N, C-alpha and C. Protein backbone atom coordinates (compact mmCIF):
# COMPACT_ATOMS: atom_id res chain seq x y z
N SER A 1 16.22 -36.75 -10.84
CA SER A 1 16.77 -37.46 -9.70
C SER A 1 15.89 -37.22 -8.47
N ALA A 2 16.06 -38.01 -7.49
CA ALA A 2 15.25 -37.91 -6.27
C ALA A 2 15.56 -36.62 -5.52
N ALA A 3 16.83 -36.23 -5.50
CA ALA A 3 17.22 -35.01 -4.77
C ALA A 3 16.58 -33.78 -5.40
N SER A 4 16.56 -33.72 -6.73
CA SER A 4 15.95 -32.56 -7.37
C SER A 4 14.44 -32.53 -7.16
N ASP A 5 13.82 -33.71 -7.07
CA ASP A 5 12.38 -33.76 -6.79
C ASP A 5 12.08 -33.24 -5.39
N VAL A 6 12.89 -33.64 -4.42
CA VAL A 6 12.70 -33.15 -3.05
C VAL A 6 12.90 -31.64 -3.01
N TYR A 7 13.96 -31.16 -3.64
CA TYR A 7 14.23 -29.72 -3.66
C TYR A 7 13.07 -28.98 -4.32
N ASN A 8 12.57 -29.50 -5.43
CA ASN A 8 11.48 -28.85 -6.15
C ASN A 8 10.22 -28.79 -5.29
N ARG A 9 9.89 -29.88 -4.58
CA ARG A 9 8.71 -29.88 -3.71
C ARG A 9 8.87 -28.87 -2.58
N GLN A 10 10.07 -28.79 -1.98
CA GLN A 10 10.30 -27.82 -0.90
C GLN A 10 10.23 -26.39 -1.44
N TYR A 11 10.79 -26.17 -2.62
CA TYR A 11 10.75 -24.84 -3.23
C TYR A 11 9.30 -24.44 -3.50
N GLN A 12 8.51 -25.37 -4.05
CA GLN A 12 7.11 -25.07 -4.34
C GLN A 12 6.33 -24.75 -3.07
N ARG A 13 6.62 -25.44 -1.96
CA ARG A 13 5.96 -25.16 -0.70
C ARG A 13 6.29 -23.77 -0.20
N ARG A 14 7.54 -23.35 -0.36
CA ARG A 14 7.96 -22.03 0.13
C ARG A 14 7.35 -20.89 -0.67
N VAL A 15 7.20 -21.06 -1.95
CA VAL A 15 6.74 -19.95 -2.79
C VAL A 15 5.27 -20.06 -3.17
N ARG A 16 4.58 -21.03 -2.58
CA ARG A 16 3.15 -21.18 -2.89
C ARG A 16 2.42 -19.88 -2.54
N GLY A 17 1.61 -19.44 -3.44
CA GLY A 17 0.87 -18.21 -3.20
C GLY A 17 1.53 -16.99 -3.82
N PHE A 18 2.80 -17.09 -4.19
CA PHE A 18 3.46 -15.97 -4.84
C PHE A 18 3.57 -16.29 -6.32
N PRO A 19 2.97 -15.46 -7.15
CA PRO A 19 2.92 -15.77 -8.58
C PRO A 19 4.28 -15.63 -9.24
N SER A 20 4.51 -16.48 -10.25
CA SER A 20 5.77 -16.39 -10.97
C SER A 20 5.70 -15.33 -12.06
N SER A 21 4.52 -14.94 -12.44
CA SER A 21 4.36 -13.86 -13.41
C SER A 21 3.22 -12.96 -12.94
N PHE A 22 3.09 -11.81 -13.54
CA PHE A 22 2.07 -10.86 -13.12
C PHE A 22 0.69 -11.44 -13.42
N SER A 23 -0.05 -11.65 -12.36
CA SER A 23 -1.38 -12.21 -12.50
C SER A 23 -2.25 -11.67 -11.38
N LEU A 24 -3.50 -11.42 -11.67
CA LEU A 24 -4.43 -10.91 -10.67
C LEU A 24 -5.61 -11.86 -10.53
N ASP A 25 -5.30 -13.15 -10.40
CA ASP A 25 -6.34 -14.17 -10.38
C ASP A 25 -6.96 -14.41 -9.01
N SER A 26 -6.27 -14.06 -7.94
CA SER A 26 -6.80 -14.39 -6.62
C SER A 26 -6.73 -13.18 -5.70
N PRO A 27 -7.53 -13.16 -4.64
CA PRO A 27 -7.46 -12.06 -3.67
C PRO A 27 -6.08 -11.93 -3.04
N LYS A 28 -5.40 -13.07 -2.85
CA LYS A 28 -4.06 -13.03 -2.25
C LYS A 28 -3.08 -12.28 -3.16
N GLN A 29 -3.13 -12.57 -4.44
CA GLN A 29 -2.25 -11.88 -5.37
C GLN A 29 -2.61 -10.40 -5.47
N LEU A 30 -3.89 -10.10 -5.51
CA LEU A 30 -4.30 -8.69 -5.54
C LEU A 30 -3.82 -7.96 -4.29
N ALA A 31 -3.92 -8.62 -3.14
CA ALA A 31 -3.48 -8.00 -1.90
C ALA A 31 -1.97 -7.74 -1.91
N VAL A 32 -1.20 -8.69 -2.40
CA VAL A 32 0.25 -8.53 -2.46
C VAL A 32 0.63 -7.40 -3.40
N TYR A 33 0.02 -7.36 -4.58
CA TYR A 33 0.35 -6.30 -5.54
C TYR A 33 -0.11 -4.93 -5.06
N SER A 34 -1.30 -4.84 -4.49
CA SER A 34 -1.77 -3.53 -4.03
C SER A 34 -0.97 -3.06 -2.82
N PHE A 35 -0.56 -3.98 -1.94
CA PHE A 35 0.30 -3.59 -0.82
C PHE A 35 1.63 -3.07 -1.34
N SER A 36 2.19 -3.74 -2.34
CA SER A 36 3.47 -3.30 -2.92
C SER A 36 3.33 -1.92 -3.55
N LEU A 37 2.23 -1.68 -4.26
CA LEU A 37 2.00 -0.38 -4.88
C LEU A 37 1.89 0.72 -3.84
N GLN A 38 1.12 0.48 -2.76
CA GLN A 38 0.98 1.51 -1.75
C GLN A 38 2.30 1.75 -1.03
N LEU A 39 3.12 0.70 -0.89
CA LEU A 39 4.42 0.86 -0.24
C LEU A 39 5.34 1.74 -1.09
N ILE A 40 5.33 1.54 -2.39
CA ILE A 40 6.13 2.39 -3.29
C ILE A 40 5.65 3.83 -3.22
N LEU A 41 4.34 4.05 -3.29
CA LEU A 41 3.80 5.41 -3.21
C LEU A 41 4.08 6.03 -1.86
N ASN A 42 4.05 5.22 -0.80
CA ASN A 42 4.33 5.72 0.53
C ASN A 42 5.77 6.23 0.62
N HIS A 43 6.69 5.53 -0.04
CA HIS A 43 8.08 5.98 -0.05
C HIS A 43 8.27 7.26 -0.87
N LEU A 44 7.39 7.53 -1.82
CA LEU A 44 7.46 8.76 -2.59
C LEU A 44 6.88 9.95 -1.83
N TRP A 45 5.94 9.69 -0.93
CA TRP A 45 5.23 10.76 -0.23
C TRP A 45 6.17 11.58 0.65
N THR A 46 7.05 10.95 1.42
CA THR A 46 7.91 11.66 2.36
C THR A 46 8.82 12.67 1.67
N PRO A 47 9.58 12.29 0.63
CA PRO A 47 10.41 13.30 -0.01
C PRO A 47 9.59 14.38 -0.73
N LEU A 48 8.43 14.00 -1.24
CA LEU A 48 7.58 14.97 -1.92
C LEU A 48 7.04 16.00 -0.94
N PHE A 49 6.55 15.55 0.19
CA PHE A 49 5.90 16.43 1.15
C PHE A 49 6.93 17.18 1.99
N PHE A 50 7.92 16.49 2.53
CA PHE A 50 8.89 17.12 3.42
C PHE A 50 10.15 17.59 2.70
N GLY A 51 10.60 16.80 1.71
CA GLY A 51 11.85 17.12 1.03
C GLY A 51 11.76 18.33 0.13
N ILE A 52 10.88 18.28 -0.86
CA ILE A 52 10.77 19.41 -1.80
C ILE A 52 9.59 20.30 -1.47
N ARG A 53 8.89 19.97 -0.37
CA ARG A 53 7.81 20.79 0.18
C ARG A 53 6.70 21.12 -0.83
N ARG A 54 6.28 20.08 -1.51
CA ARG A 54 5.16 20.22 -2.45
C ARG A 54 3.90 19.73 -1.77
N THR A 55 3.40 20.56 -0.85
CA THR A 55 2.24 20.16 -0.06
C THR A 55 0.99 19.99 -0.91
N GLU A 56 0.92 20.66 -2.05
CA GLU A 56 -0.27 20.53 -2.89
C GLU A 56 -0.38 19.14 -3.51
N PHE A 57 0.72 18.40 -3.56
CA PHE A 57 0.68 17.03 -4.06
C PHE A 57 0.63 16.02 -2.93
N GLY A 58 1.00 16.43 -1.73
CA GLY A 58 1.04 15.51 -0.59
C GLY A 58 -0.33 14.98 -0.22
N GLY A 59 -1.34 15.85 -0.20
CA GLY A 59 -2.69 15.43 0.17
C GLY A 59 -3.28 14.43 -0.81
N PRO A 60 -3.29 14.74 -2.10
CA PRO A 60 -3.83 13.77 -3.06
C PRO A 60 -3.06 12.44 -3.07
N LEU A 61 -1.74 12.51 -2.93
CA LEU A 61 -0.96 11.27 -2.90
C LEU A 61 -1.30 10.46 -1.65
N ALA A 62 -1.43 11.12 -0.51
CA ALA A 62 -1.80 10.42 0.72
C ALA A 62 -3.21 9.82 0.59
N GLY A 63 -4.11 10.55 -0.07
CA GLY A 63 -5.46 10.01 -0.30
C GLY A 63 -5.42 8.78 -1.20
N LEU A 64 -4.57 8.82 -2.23
CA LEU A 64 -4.42 7.67 -3.11
C LEU A 64 -3.85 6.47 -2.35
N ILE A 65 -2.86 6.74 -1.51
CA ILE A 65 -2.27 5.67 -0.70
C ILE A 65 -3.32 5.05 0.22
N ALA A 66 -4.13 5.89 0.87
CA ALA A 66 -5.17 5.39 1.76
C ALA A 66 -6.20 4.57 0.99
N THR A 67 -6.55 5.00 -0.20
CA THR A 67 -7.51 4.26 -1.02
C THR A 67 -6.96 2.89 -1.41
N ILE A 68 -5.71 2.86 -1.87
CA ILE A 68 -5.09 1.59 -2.25
C ILE A 68 -4.95 0.69 -1.03
N LEU A 69 -4.61 1.27 0.11
CA LEU A 69 -4.49 0.48 1.32
C LEU A 69 -5.85 -0.07 1.76
N GLY A 70 -6.91 0.71 1.58
CA GLY A 70 -8.25 0.21 1.87
C GLY A 70 -8.59 -0.99 0.99
N PHE A 71 -8.22 -0.91 -0.29
CA PHE A 71 -8.42 -2.04 -1.21
C PHE A 71 -7.60 -3.24 -0.75
N THR A 72 -6.37 -2.98 -0.29
CA THR A 72 -5.51 -4.06 0.20
C THR A 72 -6.14 -4.75 1.41
N VAL A 73 -6.66 -3.95 2.34
CA VAL A 73 -7.31 -4.53 3.53
C VAL A 73 -8.52 -5.35 3.11
N TYR A 74 -9.28 -4.85 2.16
CA TYR A 74 -10.45 -5.58 1.67
C TYR A 74 -10.04 -6.93 1.06
N GLN A 75 -9.03 -6.93 0.20
CA GLN A 75 -8.57 -8.17 -0.42
C GLN A 75 -7.97 -9.12 0.61
N THR A 76 -7.25 -8.56 1.58
CA THR A 76 -6.64 -9.38 2.62
C THR A 76 -7.71 -10.03 3.49
N SER A 77 -8.83 -9.34 3.69
CA SER A 77 -9.90 -9.89 4.53
C SER A 77 -10.48 -11.17 3.93
N LYS A 78 -10.33 -11.35 2.63
CA LYS A 78 -10.80 -12.56 1.98
C LYS A 78 -9.86 -13.74 2.20
N VAL A 79 -8.62 -13.43 2.63
CA VAL A 79 -7.59 -14.46 2.72
C VAL A 79 -7.19 -14.77 4.16
N ASP A 80 -6.95 -13.72 4.97
CA ASP A 80 -6.36 -13.94 6.29
C ASP A 80 -6.85 -12.88 7.28
N THR A 81 -7.56 -13.31 8.30
CA THR A 81 -8.12 -12.39 9.28
C THR A 81 -7.02 -11.69 10.09
N THR A 82 -5.98 -12.41 10.44
CA THR A 82 -4.89 -11.83 11.23
C THR A 82 -4.21 -10.71 10.45
N ALA A 83 -3.92 -10.94 9.19
CA ALA A 83 -3.30 -9.91 8.36
C ALA A 83 -4.20 -8.69 8.24
N THR A 84 -5.50 -8.92 8.14
CA THR A 84 -6.45 -7.81 8.06
C THR A 84 -6.40 -6.98 9.33
N LEU A 85 -6.39 -7.66 10.48
CA LEU A 85 -6.33 -6.94 11.76
C LEU A 85 -5.01 -6.18 11.91
N LEU A 86 -3.94 -6.73 11.40
CA LEU A 86 -2.65 -6.05 11.49
C LEU A 86 -2.55 -4.86 10.54
N LEU A 87 -3.25 -4.90 9.42
CA LEU A 87 -3.23 -3.80 8.46
C LEU A 87 -4.19 -2.67 8.84
N SER A 88 -5.19 -2.97 9.64
CA SER A 88 -6.22 -1.97 9.96
C SER A 88 -5.66 -0.71 10.64
N PRO A 89 -4.75 -0.82 11.62
CA PRO A 89 -4.19 0.42 12.20
C PRO A 89 -3.41 1.24 11.17
N LEU A 90 -2.75 0.57 10.24
CA LEU A 90 -2.04 1.29 9.18
C LEU A 90 -3.02 2.07 8.31
N LEU A 91 -4.15 1.46 8.00
CA LEU A 91 -5.17 2.14 7.22
C LEU A 91 -5.72 3.35 7.99
N ALA A 92 -5.96 3.18 9.29
CA ALA A 92 -6.46 4.29 10.10
C ALA A 92 -5.44 5.43 10.13
N TRP A 93 -4.17 5.11 10.34
CA TRP A 93 -3.15 6.15 10.38
C TRP A 93 -2.99 6.82 9.02
N THR A 94 -2.99 6.06 7.96
CA THR A 94 -2.83 6.62 6.62
C THR A 94 -4.00 7.54 6.28
N SER A 95 -5.20 7.17 6.69
CA SER A 95 -6.36 8.03 6.46
C SER A 95 -6.23 9.34 7.24
N PHE A 96 -5.77 9.25 8.47
CA PHE A 96 -5.56 10.45 9.28
C PHE A 96 -4.44 11.32 8.68
N ALA A 97 -3.37 10.68 8.23
CA ALA A 97 -2.26 11.41 7.60
C ALA A 97 -2.72 12.10 6.32
N SER A 98 -3.63 11.48 5.60
CA SER A 98 -4.20 12.10 4.41
C SER A 98 -4.96 13.37 4.78
N PHE A 99 -5.79 13.27 5.81
CA PHE A 99 -6.52 14.44 6.30
C PHE A 99 -5.55 15.55 6.71
N LEU A 100 -4.49 15.18 7.44
CA LEU A 100 -3.50 16.18 7.86
C LEU A 100 -2.81 16.82 6.67
N SER A 101 -2.48 16.03 5.66
CA SER A 101 -1.80 16.56 4.48
C SER A 101 -2.68 17.58 3.75
N PHE A 102 -3.96 17.25 3.57
CA PHE A 102 -4.87 18.19 2.93
C PHE A 102 -5.01 19.46 3.76
N THR A 103 -5.11 19.31 5.09
CA THR A 103 -5.27 20.47 5.97
C THR A 103 -4.03 21.36 5.96
N ILE A 104 -2.85 20.76 6.02
CA ILE A 104 -1.61 21.53 5.98
C ILE A 104 -1.51 22.30 4.68
N ASP A 105 -1.86 21.67 3.58
CA ASP A 105 -1.83 22.37 2.29
C ASP A 105 -2.81 23.54 2.29
N ARG A 106 -4.01 23.31 2.77
CA ARG A 106 -5.03 24.36 2.76
C ARG A 106 -4.62 25.55 3.65
N LEU A 107 -4.03 25.26 4.81
CA LEU A 107 -3.63 26.32 5.73
C LEU A 107 -2.40 27.08 5.27
N ASN A 108 -1.60 26.50 4.43
CA ASN A 108 -0.36 27.15 3.97
C ASN A 108 -0.47 27.79 2.61
N ARG A 109 -1.65 27.82 2.05
CA ARG A 109 -1.82 28.51 0.76
C ARG A 109 -1.79 30.01 0.99
N PRO A 110 -1.23 30.76 0.05
CA PRO A 110 -1.25 32.22 0.19
C PRO A 110 -2.68 32.74 0.12
N PRO A 111 -2.97 33.81 0.82
CA PRO A 111 -4.32 34.36 0.79
C PRO A 111 -4.68 34.86 -0.63
N LYS A 112 -5.95 34.72 -0.95
CA LYS A 112 -6.42 35.18 -2.26
C LYS A 112 -6.48 36.69 -2.29
N LYS A 113 -6.03 37.26 -3.41
CA LYS A 113 -6.11 38.71 -3.59
C LYS A 113 -7.42 39.05 -4.25
N GLU A 114 -8.09 40.03 -3.71
CA GLU A 114 -9.38 40.41 -4.28
C GLU A 114 -9.37 41.83 -4.74
């Protein structure tokens, strides 16, 4: 029917660019998936570092998050300059937070017995 055709065209316009199945065919899809992955890992970092106080895992996890976010910024730069500029401060902060996490872990280790 004509109504379903109109609805289908509007639906396709709204979801254009978002894959219906897992696919890594374009920079846009890679950026969306890598951003989602870093967001999930970012939500794991806070309870790991502050909640159960496992500082030895906080630094490597923050480094992994910064690396994935760097990849996200790179993929986003192929698609949208504005999005890249908006993600850049997050990458800078995440890199600094990674450095802080490694430093806090190193400073809080018990002294070596000799």
